[in-house]
PDB file of N, CA and C in Angstrom:
ATOM      1  N   MET A   1      -7.932 -11.964 -43.395  1.00  0.00           N
ATOM      2  CA  MET A   1      -8.656 -11.405 -42.273  1.00  0.00           C
ATOM      3  C   MET A   1      -7.769 -11.327 -41.037  1.00  0.00           C
ATOM      4  N   LYS A   2      -7.000 -12.396 -40.788  1.00  0.00           N
ATOM      5  CA  LYS A   2      -6.126 -12.436 -39.620  1.00  0.00           C
ATOM      6  C   LYS A   2      -5.062 -11.337 -39.707  1.00  0.00           C
ATOM      7  N   THR A   3      -4.568 -11.063 -40.908  1.00  0.00           N
ATOM      8  CA  THR A   3      -3.571 -10.016 -41.099  1.00  0.00           C
ATOM      9  C   THR A   3      -4.149  -8.651 -40.765  1.00  0.00           C
ATOM     10  N   LYS A   4      -5.398  -8.395 -41.161  1.00  0.00           N
ATOM     11  CA  LYS A   4      -6.046  -7.112 -40.870  1.00  0.00           C
ATOM     12  C   LYS A   4      -6.211  -6.919 -39.362  1.00  0.00           C
ATOM     13  N   ILE A   5      -6.576  -7.967 -38.660  1.00  0.00           N
ATOM     14  CA  ILE A   5      -6.737  -7.882 -37.205  1.00  0.00           C
ATOM     15  C   ILE A   5      -5.383  -7.606 -36.548  1.00  0.00           C
ATOM     16  N   ASN A   6      -4.350  -8.281 -37.010  1.00  0.00           N
ATOM     17  CA  ASN A   6      -3.009  -8.046 -36.453  1.00  0.00           C
ATOM     18  C   ASN A   6      -2.544  -6.613 -36.699  1.00  0.00           C
ATOM     19  N   ILE A   7      -2.801  -6.109 -37.897  1.00  0.00           N
ATOM     20  CA  ILE A   7      -2.428  -4.724 -38.215  1.00  0.00           C
ATOM     21  C   ILE A   7      -3.225  -3.758 -37.348  1.00  0.00           C
ATOM     22  N   LEU A   8      -4.508  -4.015 -37.168  1.00  0.00           N
ATOM     23  CA  LEU A   8      -5.351  -3.167 -36.323  1.00  0.00           C
ATOM     24  C   LEU A   8      -4.854  -3.179 -34.875  1.00  0.00           C
ATOM     25  N   LEU A   9      -4.536  -4.361 -34.354  1.00  0.00           N
ATOM     26  CA  LEU A   9      -4.019  -4.459 -32.987  1.00  0.00           C
ATOM     27  C   LEU A   9      -2.683  -3.727 -32.843  1.00  0.00           C
ATOM     28  N   LEU A  10      -1.836  -3.849 -33.835  1.00  0.00           N
ATOM     29  CA  LEU A  10      -0.557  -3.152 -33.814  1.00  0.00           C
ATOM     30  C   LEU A  10      -0.767  -1.639 -33.827  1.00  0.00           C
ATOM     31  N   ALA A  11      -1.679  -1.165 -34.666  1.00  0.00           N
ATOM     32  CA  ALA A  11      -1.963   0.272 -34.747  1.00  0.00           C
ATOM     33  C   ALA A  11      -2.510   0.797 -33.420  1.00  0.00           C
ATOM     34  N   VAL A  12      -3.417   0.055 -32.797  1.00  0.00           N
ATOM     35  CA  VAL A  12      -3.974   0.461 -31.503  1.00  0.00           C
ATOM     36  C   VAL A  12      -2.870   0.493 -30.450  1.00  0.00           C
ATOM     37  N   GLY A  13      -2.006  -0.509 -30.458  1.00  0.00           N
ATOM     38  CA  GLY A  13      -0.891  -0.549 -29.504  1.00  0.00           C
ATOM     39  C   GLY A  13       0.038   0.643 -29.658  1.00  0.00           C
ATOM     40  N   VAL A  14       0.358   1.001 -30.889  1.00  0.00           N
ATOM     41  CA  VAL A  14       1.223   2.154 -31.149  1.00  0.00           C
ATOM     42  C   VAL A  14       0.558   3.433 -30.665  1.00  0.00           C
ATOM     43  N   MET A  15      -0.744   3.595 -30.916  1.00  0.00           N
ATOM     44  CA  MET A  15      -1.456   4.793 -30.463  1.00  0.00           C
ATOM     45  C   MET A  15      -1.479   4.876 -28.943  1.00  0.00           C
ATOM     46  N   LEU A  16      -1.689   3.758 -28.277  1.00  0.00           N
ATOM     47  CA  LEU A  16      -1.706   3.760 -26.815  1.00  0.00           C
ATOM     48  C   LEU A  16      -0.345   4.146 -26.250  1.00  0.00           C
ATOM     49  N   LEU A  17       0.709   3.609 -26.821  1.00  0.00           N
ATOM     50  CA  LEU A  17       2.049   3.956 -26.349  1.00  0.00           C
ATOM     51  C   LEU A  17       2.376   5.413 -26.622  1.00  0.00           C
ATOM     52  N   ALA A  18       1.951   5.926 -27.755  1.00  0.00           N
ATOM     53  CA  ALA A  18       2.223   7.317 -28.102  1.00  0.00           C
ATOM     54  C   ALA A  18       1.452   8.275 -27.210  1.00  0.00           C
ATOM     55  N   SER A  19       0.294   7.859 -26.698  1.00  0.00           N
ATOM     56  CA  SER A  19      -0.516   8.751 -25.876  1.00  0.00           C
ATOM     57  C   SER A  19      -0.082   8.764 -24.422  1.00  0.00           C
ATOM     58  N   CYS A  20       0.778   7.848 -24.017  1.00  0.00           N
ATOM     59  CA  CYS A  20       1.272   7.813 -22.637  1.00  0.00           C
ATOM     60  C   CYS A  20       2.343   8.873 -22.478  1.00  0.00           C
ATOM     61  N   LYS A  21       2.038   9.905 -21.713  1.00  0.00           N
ATOM     62  CA  LYS A  21       2.989  10.980 -21.492  1.00  0.00           C
ATOM     63  C   LYS A  21       3.782  10.694 -20.224  1.00  0.00           C
ATOM     64  N   LYS A  22       5.073  10.680 -20.361  1.00  0.00           N
ATOM     65  CA  LYS A  22       5.946  10.434 -19.219  1.00  0.00           C
ATOM     66  C   LYS A  22       6.096  11.723 -18.411  1.00  0.00           C
ATOM     67  N   LYS A  23       5.946  11.626 -17.086  1.00  0.00           N
ATOM     68  CA  LYS A  23       6.137  12.786 -16.228  1.00  0.00           C
ATOM     69  C   LYS A  23       7.615  13.134 -16.164  1.00  0.00           C
ATOM     70  N   ASN A  24       7.864  14.411 -15.843  1.00  0.00           N
ATOM     71  CA  ASN A  24       9.246  14.832 -15.654  1.00  0.00           C
ATOM     72  C   ASN A  24       9.855  14.051 -14.499  1.00  0.00           C
ATOM     73  N   GLU A  25      11.044  13.560 -14.696  1.00  0.00           N
ATOM     74  CA  GLU A  25      11.739  12.871 -13.621  1.00  0.00           C
ATOM     75  C   GLU A  25      12.487  13.914 -12.805  1.00  0.00           C
ATOM     76  N   ILE A  26      12.043  14.118 -11.575  1.00  0.00           N
ATOM     77  CA  ILE A  26      12.600  15.132 -10.694  1.00  0.00           C
ATOM     78  C   ILE A  26      13.350  14.443  -9.563  1.00  0.00           C
ATOM     79  N   ASP A  27      14.562  14.892  -9.309  1.00  0.00           N
ATOM     80  CA  ASP A  27      15.347  14.372  -8.193  1.00  0.00           C
ATOM     81  C   ASP A  27      14.992  15.195  -6.956  1.00  0.00           C
ATOM     82  N   PRO A  28      14.237  14.635  -6.011  1.00  0.00           N
ATOM     83  CA  PRO A  28      13.777  15.407  -4.854  1.00  0.00           C
ATOM     84  C   PRO A  28      14.910  15.904  -3.957  1.00  0.00           C
ATOM     85  N   THR A  29      16.088  15.314  -4.054  1.00  0.00           N
ATOM     86  CA  THR A  29      17.204  15.772  -3.218  1.00  0.00           C
ATOM     87  C   THR A  29      17.754  17.120  -3.680  1.00  0.00           C
ATOM     88  N   LEU A  30      17.369  17.554  -4.887  1.00  0.00           N
ATOM     89  CA  LEU A  30      17.839  18.843  -5.401  1.00  0.00           C
ATOM     90  C   LEU A  30      17.005  20.021  -4.905  1.00  0.00           C
ATOM     91  N   LEU A  31      15.825  19.777  -4.362  1.00  0.00           N
ATOM     92  CA  LEU A  31      14.936  20.877  -3.978  1.00  0.00           C
ATOM     93  C   LEU A  31      15.386  21.632  -2.728  1.00  0.00           C
ATOM     94  N   PRO A  32      15.768  20.979  -1.633  1.00  0.00           N
ATOM     95  CA  PRO A  32      16.152  21.741  -0.438  1.00  0.00           C
ATOM     96  C   PRO A  32      17.281  22.731  -0.720  1.00  0.00           C
ATOM     97  N   GLY A  33      17.123  23.937  -0.149  1.00  0.00           N
ATOM     98  CA  GLY A  33      18.094  25.007  -0.337  1.00  0.00           C
ATOM     99  C   GLY A  33      17.373  26.318  -0.589  1.00  0.00           C
ATOM    100  N   VAL A  34      18.146  27.361  -0.815  1.00  0.00           N
ATOM    101  CA  VAL A  34      17.600  28.702  -1.044  1.00  0.00           C
ATOM    102  C   VAL A  34      17.509  28.955  -2.544  1.00  0.00           C
ATOM    103  N   TRP A  35      16.314  29.364  -2.977  1.00  0.00           N
ATOM    104  CA  TRP A  35      16.046  29.655  -4.382  1.00  0.00           C
ATOM    105  C   TRP A  35      15.558  31.092  -4.516  1.00  0.00           C
ATOM    106  N   GLN A  36      16.117  31.827  -5.476  1.00  0.00           N
ATOM    107  CA  GLN A  36      15.693  33.200  -5.735  1.00  0.00           C
ATOM    108  C   GLN A  36      14.825  33.232  -6.984  1.00  0.00           C
ATOM    109  N   PHE A  37      13.655  33.901  -6.869  1.00  0.00           N
ATOM    110  CA  PHE A  37      12.808  34.124  -8.033  1.00  0.00           C
ATOM    111  C   PHE A  37      13.610  34.982  -9.005  1.00  0.00           C
ATOM    112  N   THR A  38      13.783  34.541 -10.238  1.00  0.00           N
ATOM    113  CA  THR A  38      14.575  35.262 -11.227  1.00  0.00           C
ATOM    114  C   THR A  38      14.036  36.676 -11.423  1.00  0.00           C
ATOM    115  N   GLY A  39      14.938  37.661 -11.369  1.00  0.00           N
ATOM    116  CA  GLY A  39      14.580  39.053 -11.602  1.00  0.00           C
ATOM    117  C   GLY A  39      13.945  39.753 -10.415  1.00  0.00           C
ATOM    118  N   THR A  40      13.975  39.138  -9.241  1.00  0.00           N
ATOM    119  CA  THR A  40      13.376  39.742  -8.044  1.00  0.00           C
ATOM    120  C   THR A  40      14.339  39.611  -6.871  1.00  0.00           C
ATOM    121  N   GLU A  41      13.900  40.134  -5.733  1.00  0.00           N
ATOM    122  CA  GLU A  41      14.625  39.948  -4.477  1.00  0.00           C
ATOM    123  C   GLU A  41      13.823  39.037  -3.553  1.00  0.00           C
ATOM    124  N   GLN A  42      13.006  38.166  -4.146  1.00  0.00           N
ATOM    125  CA  GLN A  42      12.187  37.220  -3.386  1.00  0.00           C
ATOM    126  C   GLN A  42      12.879  35.860  -3.347  1.00  0.00           C
ATOM    127  N   TYR A  43      12.750  35.206  -2.186  1.00  0.00           N
ATOM    128  CA  TYR A  43      13.450  33.942  -1.965  1.00  0.00           C
ATOM    129  C   TYR A  43      12.531  32.906  -1.326  1.00  0.00           C
ATOM    130  N   LEU A  44      12.813  31.653  -1.621  1.00  0.00           N
ATOM    131  CA  LEU A  44      12.213  30.507  -0.941  1.00  0.00           C
ATOM    132  C   LEU A  44      13.352  29.654  -0.414  1.00  0.00           C
ATOM    133  N   ASN A  45      13.250  29.244   0.849  1.00  0.00           N
ATOM    134  CA  ASN A  45      14.219  28.301   1.400  1.00  0.00           C
ATOM    135  C   ASN A  45      13.471  27.023   1.735  1.00  0.00           C
ATOM    136  N   PHE A  46      13.730  25.970   0.969  1.00  0.00           N
ATOM    137  CA  PHE A  46      13.124  24.663   1.209  1.00  0.00           C
ATOM    138  C   PHE A  46      14.013  23.914   2.196  1.00  0.00           C
ATOM    139  N   HIS A  47      13.501  23.680   3.411  1.00  0.00           N
ATOM    140  CA  HIS A  47      14.257  22.948   4.428  1.00  0.00           C
ATOM    141  C   HIS A  47      14.095  21.446   4.208  1.00  0.00           C
ATOM    142  N   GLN A  48      15.041  20.678   4.712  1.00  0.00           N
ATOM    143  CA  GLN A  48      15.017  19.217   4.582  1.00  0.00           C
ATOM    144  C   GLN A  48      13.784  18.584   5.230  1.00  0.00           C
ATOM    145  N   ASP A  49      13.220  19.236   6.261  1.00  0.00           N
ATOM    146  CA  ASP A  49      12.094  18.656   7.005  1.00  0.00           C
ATOM    147  C   ASP A  49      10.732  18.999   6.403  1.00  0.00           C
ATOM    148  N   ASN A  50      10.708  19.408   5.131  1.00  0.00           N
ATOM    149  CA  ASN A  50       9.483  19.750   4.400  1.00  0.00           C
ATOM    150  C   ASN A  50       8.789  20.993   4.946  1.00  0.00           C
ATOM    151  N   THR A  51       9.564  21.888   5.548  1.00  0.00           N
ATOM    152  CA  THR A  51       9.083  23.221   5.889  1.00  0.00           C
ATOM    153  C   THR A  51       9.928  24.192   5.085  1.00  0.00           C
ATOM    154  N   GLY A  52       9.592  25.476   5.181  1.00  0.00           N
ATOM    155  CA  GLY A  52      10.381  26.452   4.457  1.00  0.00           C
ATOM    156  C   GLY A  52      10.012  27.862   4.828  1.00  0.00           C
ATOM    157  N   ALA A  53      10.718  28.809   4.224  1.00  0.00           N
ATOM    158  CA  ALA A  53      10.497  30.223   4.487  1.00  0.00           C
ATOM    159  C   ALA A  53      10.509  30.987   3.170  1.00  0.00           C
ATOM    160  N   PHE A  54       9.633  32.001   3.101  1.00  0.00           N
ATOM    161  CA  PHE A  54       9.578  32.915   1.960  1.00  0.00           C
ATOM    162  C   PHE A  54       9.851  34.312   2.490  1.00  0.00           C
ATOM    163  N   TRP A  55      10.691  35.079   1.795  1.00  0.00           N
ATOM    164  CA  TRP A  55      10.918  36.462   2.183  1.00  0.00           C
ATOM    165  C   TRP A  55      11.214  37.299   0.952  1.00  0.00           C
ATOM    166  N   ASP A  56      11.060  38.631   1.131  1.00  0.00           N
ATOM    167  CA  ASP A  56      11.233  39.578   0.037  1.00  0.00           C
ATOM    168  C   ASP A  56      12.139  40.703   0.526  1.00  0.00           C
ATOM    169  N   GLU A  57      13.387  40.681   0.111  1.00  0.00           N
ATOM    170  CA  GLU A  57      14.347  41.677   0.564  1.00  0.00           C
ATOM    171  C   GLU A  57      14.044  43.065   0.020  1.00  0.00           C
ATOM    172  N   ALA A  58      13.274  43.173  -1.071  1.00  0.00           N
ATOM    173  CA  ALA A  58      12.853  44.480  -1.578  1.00  0.00           C
ATOM    174  C   ALA A  58      11.903  45.158  -0.592  1.00  0.00           C
ATOM    175  N   GLU A  59      11.251  44.365   0.253  1.00  0.00           N
ATOM    176  CA  GLU A  59      10.344  44.880   1.291  1.00  0.00           C
ATOM    177  C   GLU A  59      11.043  44.917   2.655  1.00  0.00           C
ATOM    178  N   ASP A  60      12.367  44.807   2.656  1.00  0.00           N
ATOM    179  CA  ASP A  60      13.165  44.772   3.895  1.00  0.00           C
ATOM    180  C   ASP A  60      12.751  43.645   4.824  1.00  0.00           C
ATOM    181  N   ILE A  61      12.383  42.524   4.247  1.00  0.00           N
ATOM    182  CA  ILE A  61      12.078  41.315   5.015  1.00  0.00           C
ATOM    183  C   ILE A  61      13.142  40.290   4.636  1.00  0.00           C
ATOM    184  N   TYR A  62      13.780  39.724   5.664  1.00  0.00           N
ATOM    185  CA  TYR A  62      14.874  38.790   5.453  1.00  0.00           C
ATOM    186  C   TYR A  62      14.538  37.458   6.108  1.00  0.00           C
ATOM    187  N   GLU A  63      15.297  36.439   5.757  1.00  0.00           N
ATOM    188  CA  GLU A  63      14.994  35.106   6.271  1.00  0.00           C
ATOM    189  C   GLU A  63      14.966  35.072   7.796  1.00  0.00           C
ATOM    190  N   ASP A  64      15.844  35.804   8.440  1.00  0.00           N
ATOM    191  CA  ASP A  64      15.870  35.820   9.907  1.00  0.00           C
ATOM    192  C   ASP A  64      14.604  36.426  10.510  1.00  0.00           C
ATOM    193  N   ASP A  65      13.834  37.177   9.709  1.00  0.00           N
ATOM    194  CA  ASP A  65      12.586  37.780  10.189  1.00  0.00           C
ATOM    195  C   ASP A  65      11.430  36.787  10.209  1.00  0.00           C
ATOM    196  N   ILE A  66      11.570  35.664   9.536  1.00  0.00           N
ATOM    197  CA  ILE A  66      10.476  34.697   9.408  1.00  0.00           C
ATOM    198  C   ILE A  66      10.470  33.777  10.627  1.00  0.00           C
ATOM    199  N   GLU A  67       9.328  33.758  11.320  1.00  0.00           N
ATOM    200  CA  GLU A  67       9.178  32.887  12.486  1.00  0.00           C
ATOM    201  C   GLU A  67       8.472  31.600  12.082  1.00  0.00           C
ATOM    202  N   LYS A  68       8.876  30.510  12.728  1.00  0.00           N
ATOM    203  CA  LYS A  68       8.234  29.225  12.461  1.00  0.00           C
ATOM    204  C   LYS A  68       6.732  29.355  12.690  1.00  0.00           C
ATOM    205  N   ASN A  69       5.958  28.894  11.704  1.00  0.00           N
ATOM    206  CA  ASN A  69       4.494  28.942  11.709  1.00  0.00           C
ATOM    207  C   ASN A  69       3.933  30.358  11.666  1.00  0.00           C
ATOM    208  N   GLY A  70       4.751  31.335  11.295  1.00  0.00           N
ATOM    209  CA  GLY A  70       4.289  32.710  11.129  1.00  0.00           C
ATOM    210  C   GLY A  70       4.170  33.044   9.651  1.00  0.00           C
ATOM    211  N   ASN A  71       3.864  34.314   9.366  1.00  0.00           N
ATOM    212  CA  ASN A  71       3.778  34.751   7.976  1.00  0.00           C
ATOM    213  C   ASN A  71       5.107  34.488   7.274  1.00  0.00           C
ATOM    214  N   GLY A  72       5.039  33.987   6.066  1.00  0.00           N
ATOM    215  CA  GLY A  72       6.233  33.653   5.299  1.00  0.00           C
ATOM    216  C   GLY A  72       6.679  32.212   5.488  1.00  0.00           C
ATOM    217  N   TRP A  73       6.084  31.513   6.452  1.00  0.00           N
ATOM    218  CA  TRP A  73       6.422  30.111   6.715  1.00  0.00           C
ATOM    219  C   TRP A  73       5.571  29.228   5.814  1.00  0.00           C
ATOM    220  N   PHE A  74       6.107  28.113   5.356  1.00  0.00           N
ATOM    221  CA  PHE A  74       5.308  27.189   4.553  1.00  0.00           C
ATOM    222  C   PHE A  74       5.748  25.755   4.797  1.00  0.00           C
ATOM    223  N   THR A  75       4.872  24.846   4.412  1.00  0.00           N
ATOM    224  CA  THR A  75       5.214  23.432   4.353  1.00  0.00           C
ATOM    225  C   THR A  75       5.172  23.032   2.884  1.00  0.00           C
ATOM    226  N   TRP A  76       5.898  21.981   2.547  1.00  0.00           N
ATOM    227  CA  TRP A  76       5.930  21.552   1.150  1.00  0.00           C
ATOM    228  C   TRP A  76       5.966  20.038   1.050  1.00  0.00           C
ATOM    229  N   ALA A  77       5.461  19.575  -0.099  1.00  0.00           N
ATOM    230  CA  ALA A  77       5.489  18.147  -0.421  1.00  0.00           C
ATOM    231  C   ALA A  77       5.758  18.023  -1.916  1.00  0.00           C
ATOM    232  N   LEU A  78       6.588  17.067  -2.272  1.00  0.00           N
ATOM    233  CA  LEU A  78       6.914  16.816  -3.673  1.00  0.00           C
ATOM    234  C   LEU A  78       6.606  15.364  -3.982  1.00  0.00           C
ATOM    235  N   ALA A  79       5.714  15.143  -4.949  1.00  0.00           N
ATOM    236  CA  ALA A  79       5.370  13.800  -5.416  1.00  0.00           C
ATOM    237  C   ALA A  79       5.580  13.780  -6.930  1.00  0.00           C
ATOM    238  N   GLU A  80       6.580  13.040  -7.354  1.00  0.00           N
ATOM    239  CA  GLU A  80       7.010  13.020  -8.759  1.00  0.00           C
ATOM    240  C   GLU A  80       7.366  14.450  -9.157  1.00  0.00           C
ATOM    241  N   ASP A  81       6.615  15.074 -10.074  1.00  0.00           N
ATOM    242  CA  ASP A  81       6.916  16.450 -10.469  1.00  0.00           C
ATOM    243  C   ASP A  81       5.910  17.450  -9.905  1.00  0.00           C
ATOM    244  N   GLN A  82       5.056  17.002  -8.988  1.00  0.00           N
ATOM    245  CA  GLN A  82       4.014  17.858  -8.412  1.00  0.00           C
ATOM    246  C   GLN A  82       4.478  18.428  -7.073  1.00  0.00           C
ATOM    247  N   LEU A  83       4.572  19.761  -7.005  1.00  0.00           N
ATOM    248  CA  LEU A  83       5.007  20.449  -5.798  1.00  0.00           C
ATOM    249  C   LEU A  83       3.809  21.134  -5.160  1.00  0.00           C
ATOM    250  N   ALA A  84       3.560  20.828  -3.894  1.00  0.00           N
ATOM    251  CA  ALA A  84       2.468  21.444  -3.139  1.00  0.00           C
ATOM    252  C   ALA A  84       3.062  22.254  -1.994  1.00  0.00           C
ATOM    253  N   LEU A  85       2.723  23.542  -1.960  1.00  0.00           N
ATOM    254  CA  LEU A  85       3.149  24.429  -0.878  1.00  0.00           C
ATOM    255  C   LEU A  85       1.915  24.885  -0.113  1.00  0.00           C
ATOM    256  N   LYS A  86       2.046  25.067   1.198  1.00  0.00           N
ATOM    257  CA  LYS A  86       0.988  25.656   2.023  1.00  0.00           C
ATOM    258  C   LYS A  86       1.621  26.764   2.845  1.00  0.00           C
ATOM    259  N   PHE A  87       1.262  28.002   2.506  1.00  0.00           N
ATOM    260  CA  PHE A  87       1.804  29.169   3.189  1.00  0.00           C
ATOM    261  C   PHE A  87       0.941  29.515   4.396  1.00  0.00           C
ATOM    262  N   THR A  88       1.579  29.772   5.530  1.00  0.00           N
ATOM    263  CA  THR A  88       0.883  30.119   6.766  1.00  0.00           C
ATOM    264  C   THR A  88       0.393  31.561   6.710  1.00  0.00           C
ATOM    265  N   ILE A  89      -0.856  31.769   7.161  1.00  0.00           N
ATOM    266  CA  ILE A  89      -1.413  33.105   7.348  1.00  0.00           C
ATOM    267  C   ILE A  89      -1.566  33.295   8.851  1.00  0.00           C
ATOM    268  N   GLU A  90      -0.659  34.051   9.440  1.00  0.00           N
ATOM    269  CA  GLU A  90      -0.587  34.165  10.895  1.00  0.00           C
ATOM    270  C   GLU A  90      -1.850  34.762  11.503  1.00  0.00           C
ATOM    271  N   VAL A  91      -2.422  35.793  10.887  1.00  0.00           N
ATOM    272  CA  VAL A  91      -3.574  36.493  11.461  1.00  0.00           C
ATOM    273  C   VAL A  91      -4.780  35.572  11.596  1.00  0.00           C
ATOM    274  N   SER A  92      -5.060  34.792  10.554  1.00  0.00           N
ATOM    275  CA  SER A  92      -6.251  33.934  10.572  1.00  0.00           C
ATOM    276  C   SER A  92      -5.961  32.531  11.088  1.00  0.00           C
ATOM    277  N   GLY A  93      -4.695  32.175  11.137  1.00  0.00           N
ATOM    278  CA  GLY A  93      -4.338  30.817  11.533  1.00  0.00           C
ATOM    279  C   GLY A  93      -4.551  29.807  10.417  1.00  0.00           C
ATOM    280  N   GLY A  94      -4.874  30.291   9.225  1.00  0.00           N
ATOM    281  CA  GLY A  94      -5.113  29.406   8.088  1.00  0.00           C
ATOM    282  C   GLY A  94      -3.874  29.260   7.224  1.00  0.00           C
ATOM    283  N   SER A  95      -4.091  28.753   6.037  1.00  0.00           N
ATOM    284  CA  SER A  95      -2.990  28.598   5.091  1.00  0.00           C
ATOM    285  C   SER A  95      -3.495  28.804   3.674  1.00  0.00           C
ATOM    286  N   VAL A  96      -2.575  29.139   2.791  1.00  0.00           N
ATOM    287  CA  VAL A  96      -2.886  29.352   1.379  1.00  0.00           C
ATOM    288  C   VAL A  96      -2.107  28.323   0.568  1.00  0.00           C
ATOM    289  N   PRO A  97      -2.816  27.478  -0.202  1.00  0.00           N
ATOM    290  CA  PRO A  97      -2.108  26.464  -0.990  1.00  0.00           C
ATOM    291  C   PRO A  97      -1.569  27.031  -2.301  1.00  0.00           C
ATOM    292  N   LYS A  98      -0.473  26.478  -2.755  1.00  0.00           N
ATOM    293  CA  LYS A  98       0.109  26.798  -4.062  1.00  0.00           C
ATOM    294  C   LYS A  98       0.595  25.482  -4.641  1.00  0.00           C
ATOM    295  N   ASN A  99      -0.007  25.068  -5.743  1.00  0.00           N
ATOM    296  CA  ASN A  99       0.362  23.804  -6.387  1.00  0.00           C
ATOM    297  C   ASN A  99       0.959  24.096  -7.756  1.00  0.00           C
ATOM    298  N   SER A 100       2.062  23.458  -8.045  1.00  0.00           N
ATOM    299  CA  SER A 100       2.764  23.676  -9.303  1.00  0.00           C
ATOM    300  C   SER A 100       3.363  22.370  -9.804  1.00  0.00           C
ATOM    301  N   THR A 101       3.683  22.374 -11.080  1.00  0.00           N
ATOM    302  CA  THR A 101       4.406  21.267 -11.694  1.00  0.00           C
ATOM    303  C   THR A 101       5.831  21.731 -11.937  1.00  0.00           C
ATOM    304  N   ILE A 102       6.791  21.009 -11.396  1.00  0.00           N
ATOM    305  CA  ILE A 102       8.186  21.353 -11.654  1.00  0.00           C
ATOM    306  C   ILE A 102       8.542  20.828 -13.042  1.00  0.00           C
ATOM    307  N   THR A 103       8.952  21.748 -13.911  1.00  0.00           N
ATOM    308  CA  THR A 103       9.311  21.359 -15.273  1.00  0.00           C
ATOM    309  C   THR A 103      10.819  21.239 -15.450  1.00  0.00           C
ATOM    310  N   GLU A 104      11.581  21.839 -14.523  1.00  0.00           N
ATOM    311  CA  GLU A 104      13.043  21.730 -14.564  1.00  0.00           C
ATOM    312  C   GLU A 104      13.571  21.857 -13.145  1.00  0.00           C
ATOM    313  N   LEU A 105      14.490  21.001 -12.771  1.00  0.00           N
ATOM    314  CA  LEU A 105      15.157  21.093 -11.471  1.00  0.00           C
ATOM    315  C   LEU A 105      16.566  20.539 -11.626  1.00  0.00           C
ATOM    316  N   THR A 106      17.536  21.453 -11.526  1.00  0.00           N
ATOM    317  CA  THR A 106      18.944  21.065 -11.585  1.00  0.00           C
ATOM    318  C   THR A 106      19.618  21.575 -10.315  1.00  0.00           C
ATOM    319  N   THR A 107      20.912  21.433 -10.240  1.00  0.00           N
ATOM    320  CA  THR A 107      21.630  21.937  -9.068  1.00  0.00           C
ATOM    321  C   THR A 107      21.643  23.458  -9.015  1.00  0.00           C
ATOM    322  N   THR A 108      21.353  24.132 -10.133  1.00  0.00           N
ATOM    323  CA  THR A 108      21.435  25.597 -10.176  1.00  0.00           C
ATOM    324  C   THR A 108      20.150  26.300 -10.583  1.00  0.00           C
ATOM    325  N   THR A 109      19.233  25.612 -11.257  1.00  0.00           N
ATOM    326  CA  THR A 109      18.009  26.265 -11.727  1.00  0.00           C
ATOM    327  C   THR A 109      16.780  25.404 -11.458  1.00  0.00           C
ATOM    328  N   MET A 110      15.652  26.105 -11.312  1.00  0.00           N
ATOM    329  CA  MET A 110      14.366  25.426 -11.155  1.00  0.00           C
ATOM    330  C   MET A 110      13.321  26.247 -11.904  1.00  0.00           C
ATOM    331  N   THR A 111      12.391  25.551 -12.532  1.00  0.00           N
ATOM    332  CA  THR A 111      11.245  26.189 -13.169  1.00  0.00           C
ATOM    333  C   THR A 111      10.012  25.415 -12.763  1.00  0.00           C
ATOM    334  N   TRP A 112       8.959  26.163 -12.385  1.00  0.00           N
ATOM    335  CA  TRP A 112       7.691  25.492 -12.134  1.00  0.00           C
ATOM    336  C   TRP A 112       6.606  26.165 -12.940  1.00  0.00           C
ATOM    337  N   GLN A 113       5.535  25.433 -13.155  1.00  0.00           N
ATOM    338  CA  GLN A 113       4.400  25.917 -13.934  1.00  0.00           C
ATOM    339  C   GLN A 113       3.141  25.711 -13.116  1.00  0.00           C
ATOM    340  N   ASP A 114       2.317  26.780 -13.019  1.00  0.00           N
ATOM    341  CA  ASP A 114       1.076  26.654 -12.260  1.00  0.00           C
ATOM    342  C   ASP A 114      -0.048  26.151 -13.159  1.00  0.00           C
ATOM    343  N   SER A 115      -1.238  26.048 -12.597  1.00  0.00           N
ATOM    344  CA  SER A 115      -2.371  25.494 -13.351  1.00  0.00           C
ATOM    345  C   SER A 115      -2.816  26.399 -14.498  1.00  0.00           C
ATOM    346  N   PHE A 116      -2.380  27.675 -14.490  1.00  0.00           N
ATOM    347  CA  PHE A 116      -2.708  28.598 -15.577  1.00  0.00           C
ATOM    348  C   PHE A 116      -1.615  28.618 -16.647  1.00  0.00           C
ATOM    349  N   LYS A 117      -0.648  27.691 -16.527  1.00  0.00           N
ATOM    350  CA  LYS A 117       0.477  27.543 -17.462  1.00  0.00           C
ATOM    351  C   LYS A 117       1.499  28.676 -17.339  1.00  0.00           C
ATOM    352  N   ASN A 118       1.439  29.452 -16.239  1.00  0.00           N
ATOM    353  CA  ASN A 118       2.446  30.481 -15.983  1.00  0.00           C
ATOM    354  C   ASN A 118       3.700  29.815 -15.432  1.00  0.00           C
ATOM    355  N   LYS A 119       4.844  30.162 -16.000  1.00  0.00           N
ATOM    356  CA  LYS A 119       6.109  29.582 -15.540  1.00  0.00           C
ATOM    357  C   LYS A 119       6.848  30.583 -14.659  1.00  0.00           C
ATOM    358  N   THR A 120       7.458  30.070 -13.602  1.00  0.00           N
ATOM    359  CA  THR A 120       8.286  30.868 -12.701  1.00  0.00           C
ATOM    360  C   THR A 120       9.666  30.229 -12.673  1.00  0.00           C
ATOM    361  N   HIS A 121      10.689  31.064 -12.812  1.00  0.00           N
ATOM    362  CA  HIS A 121      12.065  30.580 -12.875  1.00  0.00           C
ATOM    363  C   HIS A 121      12.820  30.992 -11.607  1.00  0.00           C
ATOM    364  N   PHE A 122      13.709  30.117 -11.157  1.00  0.00           N
ATOM    365  CA  PHE A 122      14.488  30.338  -9.943  1.00  0.00           C
ATOM    366  C   PHE A 122      15.951  30.013 -10.199  1.00  0.00           C
ATOM    367  N   THR A 123      16.801  30.638  -9.392  1.00  0.00           N
ATOM    368  CA  THR A 123      18.227  30.334  -9.379  1.00  0.00           C
ATOM    369  C   THR A 123      18.609  29.945  -7.958  1.00  0.00           C
ATOM    370  N   ARG A 124      19.381  28.877  -7.820  1.00  0.00           N
ATOM    371  CA  ARG A 124      19.807  28.443  -6.479  1.00  0.00           C
ATOM    372  C   ARG A 124      20.836  29.429  -5.934  1.00  0.00           C
ATOM    373  N   LYS A 125      20.653  29.786  -4.662  1.00  0.00           N
ATOM    374  CA  LYS A 125      21.589  30.680  -3.977  1.00  0.00           C
ATOM    375  C   LYS A 125      22.451  29.941  -2.975  1.00  0.00           C
ATOM    376  N   LYS A 126      21.920  28.944  -2.287  1.00  0.00           N
ATOM    377  CA  LYS A 126      22.685  28.158  -1.299  1.00  0.00           C
ATOM    378  C   LYS A 126      22.298  26.707  -1.445  1.00  0.00           C
TER     379      LYS A 126
END
């Protein structure tokens, strides 16, 4: 009887360990910088102070056109692999949230996945 209980406890322990999913280990120091959406002329610049700028050169909008707290401006926060962005809407004074899970972050590439499991790929520019 004691052997059966030990085997049962061991089996439960193995199942519990197997069900624990480890989050992606993301180095937050790799995020600041300019990132280009792969296959587009759209860019995000993550500043060290947790602010940033978004622009689209295909629309003749460049980083120098983005004003602090204006359209294209955002704030960001990174907790483990969870990235939260809040984009400023200048006309209404509100903001639009964008939450994603970073699945890859290296010195040259980044991939994030939204809640609909859509992945977006980036290449570091600066």
